[in-house]
Each structure stands twice: as structure tokens, then as C-alpha cells.
Amino acid sequence: MIIIVILLSVNALVGIVDDSISFHMLAYIDLRYQGCVRSIFTAVEQAIFDEHTPQDIGV
């Protein structure tokens, strides 16, 4: 599940495929798993835009 969330987060931020599909899937997973997506999405966002590796953030 974590890998799926990471892939959807990257797609939502970078826009490889339609962004709205990724955001809808992330919202569904977030509701289903009670907020786990927010921390992963934030970590992926920081890794992409702040040029940190996922290990620096603790993912």
C-alpha cells in the first residue's frame, strides 16, 4: 500500500498521468486508512521539491 501511495503522490505532484485521478485515489486511500497518506505525500513532496532523498526524510 505504501508503494502505491508513493507512486500516486509522485504522479500527482509531477503530472505524469492525469493529476485528478491520483488526487482522487489518494483521498480515498487517506479516508480508508485514516490519514496515512498525508505524511507520505508530504515526504514525497519534500523529496521532489527540496531535492532530499527519501532516506533523509525517513520514508
PDB file of N, CA and C in Angstrom:
ATOM      1  N   MET A   1       0.830  -1.189   0.000  1.00  0.00           N
ATOM      2  CA  MET A   1       0.000   0.000   0.000  1.00  0.00           C
ATOM      3  C   MET A   1       0.876   1.254   0.000  1.00  0.00           C
ATOM      4  N   ILE A   2       1.955   1.216   0.753  1.00  0.00           N
ATOM      5  CA  ILE A   2       2.832   2.391   0.822  1.00  0.00           C
ATOM      6  C   ILE A   2       3.434   2.692  -0.547  1.00  0.00           C
ATOM      7  N   ILE A   3       3.813   1.659  -1.278  1.00  0.00           N
ATOM      8  CA  ILE A   3       4.394   1.866  -2.605  1.00  0.00           C
ATOM      9  C   ILE A   3       3.368   2.499  -3.547  1.00  0.00           C
ATOM     10  N   ILE A   4       2.130   2.054  -3.467  1.00  0.00           N
ATOM     11  CA  ILE A   4       1.069   2.638  -4.299  1.00  0.00           C
ATOM     12  C   ILE A   4       0.883   4.114  -3.964  1.00  0.00           C
ATOM     13  N   VAL A   5       0.884   4.441  -2.673  1.00  0.00           N
ATOM     14  CA  VAL A   5       0.722   5.837  -2.252  1.00  0.00           C
ATOM     15  C   VAL A   5       1.893   6.678  -2.736  1.00  0.00           C
ATOM     16  N   ILE A   6       3.096   6.156  -2.657  1.00  0.00           N
ATOM     17  CA  ILE A   6       4.265   6.901  -3.133  1.00  0.00           C
ATOM     18  C   ILE A   6       4.154   7.152  -4.637  1.00  0.00           C
ATOM     19  N   LEU A   7       3.790   6.128  -5.403  1.00  0.00           N
ATOM     20  CA  LEU A   7       3.652   6.303  -6.852  1.00  0.00           C
ATOM     21  C   LEU A   7       2.553   7.301  -7.201  1.00  0.00           C
ATOM     22  N   LEU A   8       1.420   7.212  -6.521  1.00  0.00           N
ATOM     23  CA  LEU A   8       0.341   8.173  -6.764  1.00  0.00           C
ATOM     24  C   LEU A   8       0.764   9.588  -6.381  1.00  0.00           C
ATOM     25  N   SER A   9       1.520   9.720  -5.293  1.00  0.00           N
ATOM     26  CA  SER A   9       1.978  11.041  -4.855  1.00  0.00           C
ATOM     27  C   SER A   9       2.918  11.657  -5.877  1.00  0.00           C
ATOM     28  N   VAL A  10       3.857  10.862  -6.375  1.00  0.00           N
ATOM     29  CA  VAL A  10       4.785  11.362  -7.390  1.00  0.00           C
ATOM     30  C   VAL A  10       4.009  11.792  -8.628  1.00  0.00           C
ATOM     31  N   ASN A  11       3.062  10.963  -9.053  1.00  0.00           N
ATOM     32  CA  ASN A  11       2.267  11.318 -10.228  1.00  0.00           C
ATOM     33  C   ASN A  11       1.455  12.587  -9.988  1.00  0.00           C
ATOM     34  N   ALA A  12       0.869  12.718  -8.818  1.00  0.00           N
ATOM     35  CA  ALA A  12       0.060  13.899  -8.517  1.00  0.00           C
ATOM     36  C   ALA A  12       0.904  15.165  -8.529  1.00  0.00           C
ATOM     37  N   LEU A  13       2.135  15.076  -8.052  1.00  0.00           N
ATOM     38  CA  LEU A  13       2.995  16.256  -7.979  1.00  0.00           C
ATOM     39  C   LEU A  13       3.659  16.580  -9.316  1.00  0.00           C
ATOM     40  N   VAL A  14       4.091  15.559 -10.033  1.00  0.00           N
ATOM     41  CA  VAL A  14       4.830  15.775 -11.270  1.00  0.00           C
ATOM     42  C   VAL A  14       3.904  15.828 -12.476  1.00  0.00           C
ATOM     43  N   GLY A  15       2.799  15.097 -12.431  1.00  0.00           N
ATOM     44  CA  GLY A  15       1.828  15.135 -13.514  1.00  0.00           C
ATOM     45  C   GLY A  15       2.156  14.241 -14.681  1.00  0.00           C
ATOM     46  N   ILE A  16       2.595  13.015 -14.411  1.00  0.00           N
ATOM     47  CA  ILE A  16       2.908  12.069 -15.482  1.00  0.00           C
ATOM     48  C   ILE A  16       1.621  11.666 -16.209  1.00  0.00           C
ATOM     49  N   VAL A  17       0.613  11.290 -15.452  1.00  0.00           N
ATOM     50  CA  VAL A  17      -0.701  10.950 -15.996  1.00  0.00           C
ATOM     51  C   VAL A  17      -1.664  12.005 -15.446  1.00  0.00           C
ATOM     52  N   ASP A  18      -2.936  11.883 -15.698  1.00  0.00           N
ATOM     53  CA  ASP A  18      -3.923  12.860 -15.233  1.00  0.00           C
ATOM     54  C   ASP A  18      -3.846  13.032 -13.715  1.00  0.00           C
ATOM     55  N   ASP A  19      -3.572  14.242 -13.262  1.00  0.00           N
ATOM     56  CA  ASP A  19      -3.390  14.526 -11.836  1.00  0.00           C
ATOM     57  C   ASP A  19      -4.639  14.245 -11.015  1.00  0.00           C
ATOM     58  N   SER A  20      -5.810  14.543 -11.569  1.00  0.00           N
ATOM     59  CA  SER A  20      -7.037  14.415 -10.781  1.00  0.00           C
ATOM     60  C   SER A  20      -7.295  12.974 -10.363  1.00  0.00           C
ATOM     61  N   ILE A  21      -6.921  12.018 -11.208  1.00  0.00           N
ATOM     62  CA  ILE A  21      -7.090  10.607 -10.841  1.00  0.00           C
ATOM     63  C   ILE A  21      -6.237  10.285  -9.624  1.00  0.00           C
ATOM     64  N   SER A  22      -5.003  10.741  -9.619  1.00  0.00           N
ATOM     65  CA  SER A  22      -4.112  10.478  -8.486  1.00  0.00           C
ATOM     66  C   SER A  22      -4.638  11.106  -7.211  1.00  0.00           C
ATOM     67  N   PHE A  23      -5.105  12.355  -7.301  1.00  0.00           N
ATOM     68  CA  PHE A  23      -5.609  13.019  -6.102  1.00  0.00           C
ATOM     69  C   PHE A  23      -6.861  12.335  -5.563  1.00  0.00           C
ATOM     70  N   HIS A  24      -7.737  11.864  -6.458  1.00  0.00           N
ATOM     71  CA  HIS A  24      -8.928  11.149  -6.003  1.00  0.00           C
ATOM     72  C   HIS A  24      -8.555   9.826  -5.333  1.00  0.00           C
ATOM     73  N   MET A  25      -7.612   9.103  -5.913  1.00  0.00           N
ATOM     74  CA  MET A  25      -7.173   7.834  -5.317  1.00  0.00           C
ATOM     75  C   MET A  25      -6.499   8.076  -3.968  1.00  0.00           C
ATOM     76  N   LEU A  26      -5.671   9.117  -3.885  1.00  0.00           N
ATOM     77  CA  LEU A  26      -5.018   9.438  -2.612  1.00  0.00           C
ATOM     78  C   LEU A  26      -6.046   9.807  -1.550  1.00  0.00           C
ATOM     79  N   ALA A  27      -7.061  10.558  -1.934  1.00  0.00           N
ATOM     80  CA  ALA A  27      -8.106  10.930  -0.974  1.00  0.00           C
ATOM     81  C   ALA A  27      -8.859   9.703  -0.483  1.00  0.00           C
ATOM     82  N   TYR A  28      -9.156   8.776  -1.389  1.00  0.00           N
ATOM     83  CA  TYR A  28      -9.852   7.549  -0.995  1.00  0.00           C
ATOM     84  C   TYR A  28      -8.995   6.721  -0.038  1.00  0.00           C
ATOM     85  N   ILE A  29      -7.727   6.546  -0.370  1.00  0.00           N
ATOM     86  CA  ILE A  29      -6.833   5.767   0.496  1.00  0.00           C
ATOM     87  C   ILE A  29      -6.684   6.452   1.843  1.00  0.00           C
ATOM     88  N   ASP A  30      -6.596   7.785   1.838  1.00  0.00           N
ATOM     89  CA  ASP A  30      -6.456   8.527   3.091  1.00  0.00           C
ATOM     90  C   ASP A  30      -7.673   8.324   3.990  1.00  0.00           C
ATOM     91  N   LEU A  31      -8.867   8.354   3.416  1.00  0.00           N
ATOM     92  CA  LEU A  31     -10.076   8.113   4.206  1.00  0.00           C
ATOM     93  C   LEU A  31     -10.124   6.676   4.712  1.00  0.00           C
ATOM     94  N   ARG A  32      -9.740   5.760   3.858  1.00  0.00           N
ATOM     95  CA  ARG A  32      -9.807   4.331   4.206  1.00  0.00           C
ATOM     96  C   ARG A  32      -8.809   3.974   5.306  1.00  0.00           C
ATOM     97  N   TYR A  33      -7.621   4.522   5.229  1.00  0.00           N
ATOM     98  CA  TYR A  33      -6.568   4.172   6.182  1.00  0.00           C
ATOM     99  C   TYR A  33      -6.293   5.273   7.198  1.00  0.00           C
ATOM    100  N   GLN A  34      -7.217   6.155   7.399  1.00  0.00           N
ATOM    101  CA  GLN A  34      -7.229   7.140   8.475  1.00  0.00           C
ATOM    102  C   GLN A  34      -5.992   8.032   8.529  1.00  0.00           C
ATOM    103  N   GLY A  35      -5.708   8.673   7.422  1.00  0.00           N
ATOM    104  CA  GLY A  35      -4.704   9.720   7.433  1.00  0.00           C
ATOM    105  C   GLY A  35      -3.279   9.321   7.136  1.00  0.00           C
ATOM    106  N   CYS A  36      -3.032   8.076   6.725  1.00  0.00           N
ATOM    107  CA  CYS A  36      -1.649   7.667   6.478  1.00  0.00           C
ATOM    108  C   CYS A  36      -1.059   8.346   5.247  1.00  0.00           C
ATOM    109  N   VAL A  37      -1.909   8.791   4.336  1.00  0.00           N
ATOM    110  CA  VAL A  37      -1.424   9.358   3.084  1.00  0.00           C
ATOM    111  C   VAL A  37      -0.771  10.714   3.297  1.00  0.00           C
ATOM    112  N   ARG A  38      -1.271  11.510   4.199  1.00  0.00           N
ATOM    113  CA  ARG A  38      -0.765  12.884   4.367  1.00  0.00           C
ATOM    114  C   ARG A  38       0.726  12.916   4.662  1.00  0.00           C
ATOM    115  N   SER A  39       1.182  12.073   5.568  1.00  0.00           N
ATOM    116  CA  SER A  39       2.602  12.090   5.917  1.00  0.00           C
ATOM    117  C   SER A  39       3.458  11.577   4.767  1.00  0.00           C
ATOM    118  N   ILE A  40       2.980  10.562   4.049  1.00  0.00           N
ATOM    119  CA  ILE A  40       3.734  10.041   2.909  1.00  0.00           C
ATOM    120  C   ILE A  40       3.762  11.070   1.786  1.00  0.00           C
ATOM    121  N   PHE A  41       2.616  11.703   1.494  1.00  0.00           N
ATOM    122  CA  PHE A  41       2.544  12.722   0.442  1.00  0.00           C
ATOM    123  C   PHE A  41       3.485  13.881   0.760  1.00  0.00           C
ATOM    124  N   THR A  42       3.496  14.321   2.006  1.00  0.00           N
ATOM    125  CA  THR A  42       4.380  15.413   2.419  1.00  0.00           C
ATOM    126  C   THR A  42       5.840  15.019   2.252  1.00  0.00           C
ATOM    127  N   ALA A  43       6.179  13.795   2.617  1.00  0.00           N
ATOM    128  CA  ALA A  43       7.555  13.325   2.473  1.00  0.00           C
ATOM    129  C   ALA A  43       7.962  13.257   1.003  1.00  0.00           C
ATOM    130  N   VAL A  44       7.075  12.771   0.148  1.00  0.00           N
ATOM    131  CA  VAL A  44       7.368  12.706  -1.284  1.00  0.00           C
ATOM    132  C   VAL A  44       7.504  14.110  -1.861  1.00  0.00           C
ATOM    133  N   GLU A  45       6.624  15.011  -1.456  1.00  0.00           N
ATOM    134  CA  GLU A  45       6.690  16.398  -1.926  1.00  0.00           C
ATOM    135  C   GLU A  45       8.021  17.036  -1.539  1.00  0.00           C
ATOM    136  N   GLN A  46       8.461  16.820  -0.318  1.00  0.00           N
ATOM    137  CA  GLN A  46       9.743  17.370   0.122  1.00  0.00           C
ATOM    138  C   GLN A  46      10.890  16.742  -0.648  1.00  0.00           C
ATOM    139  N   ALA A  47      10.803  15.450  -0.902  1.00  0.00           N
ATOM    140  CA  ALA A  47      11.871  14.768  -1.633  1.00  0.00           C
ATOM    141  C   ALA A  47      11.982  15.286  -3.063  1.00  0.00           C
ATOM    142  N   ILE A  48      10.848  15.585  -3.684  1.00  0.00           N
ATOM    143  CA  ILE A  48      10.871  16.062  -5.068  1.00  0.00           C
ATOM    144  C   ILE A  48      11.322  17.513  -5.145  1.00  0.00           C
ATOM    145  N   PHE A  49      10.750  18.369  -4.333  1.00  0.00           N
ATOM    146  CA  PHE A  49      10.989  19.800  -4.479  1.00  0.00           C
ATOM    147  C   PHE A  49      12.158  20.327  -3.656  1.00  0.00           C
ATOM    148  N   ASP A  50      12.525  19.642  -2.590  1.00  0.00           N
ATOM    149  CA  ASP A  50      13.656  20.085  -1.781  1.00  0.00           C
ATOM    150  C   ASP A  50      14.926  19.313  -2.098  1.00  0.00           C
ATOM    151  N   GLU A  51      14.827  18.384  -3.056  1.00  0.00           N
ATOM    152  CA  GLU A  51      15.961  17.586  -3.514  1.00  0.00           C
ATOM    153  C   GLU A  51      16.602  16.777  -2.398  1.00  0.00           C
ATOM    154  N   HIS A  52      15.798  16.301  -1.462  1.00  0.00           N
ATOM    155  CA  HIS A  52      16.274  15.380  -0.447  1.00  0.00           C
ATOM    156  C   HIS A  52      15.986  13.970  -0.917  1.00  0.00           C
ATOM    157  N   THR A  53      16.771  13.034  -0.433  1.00  0.00           N
ATOM    158  CA  THR A  53      16.461  11.638  -0.722  1.00  0.00           C
ATOM    159  C   THR A  53      15.409  11.167   0.268  1.00  0.00           C
ATOM    160  N   PRO A  54      14.630  10.146  -0.082  1.00  0.00           N
ATOM    161  CA  PRO A  54      13.626   9.634   0.862  1.00  0.00           C
ATOM    162  C   PRO A  54      14.232   9.194   2.196  1.00  0.00           C
ATOM    163  N   GLN A  55      15.492   8.744   2.182  1.00  0.00           N
ATOM    164  CA  GLN A  55      16.135   8.335   3.426  1.00  0.00           C
ATOM    165  C   GLN A  55      16.371   9.527   4.351  1.00  0.00           C
ATOM    166  N   ASP A  56      16.603  10.710   3.786  1.00  0.00           N
ATOM    167  CA  ASP A  56      16.793  11.908   4.603  1.00  0.00           C
ATOM    168  C   ASP A  56      15.532  12.261   5.380  1.00  0.00           C
ATOM    169  N   ILE A  57      14.382  11.931   4.803  1.00  0.00           N
ATOM    170  CA  ILE A  57      13.111  12.308   5.404  1.00  0.00           C
ATOM    171  C   ILE A  57      12.576  11.207   6.300  1.00  0.00           C
ATOM    172  N   GLY A  58      13.069   9.998   6.106  1.00  0.00           N
ATOM    173  CA  GLY A  58      12.628   8.897   6.953  1.00  0.00           C
ATOM    174  C   GLY A  58      11.537   8.048   6.346  1.00  0.00           C
ATOM    175  N   VAL A  59      11.442   8.051   5.027  1.00  0.00           N
ATOM    176  CA  VAL A  59      10.426   7.208   4.375  1.00  0.00           C
ATOM    177  C   VAL A  59      11.002   5.831   4.182  1.00  0.00           C
TER     178      VAL A  59
END
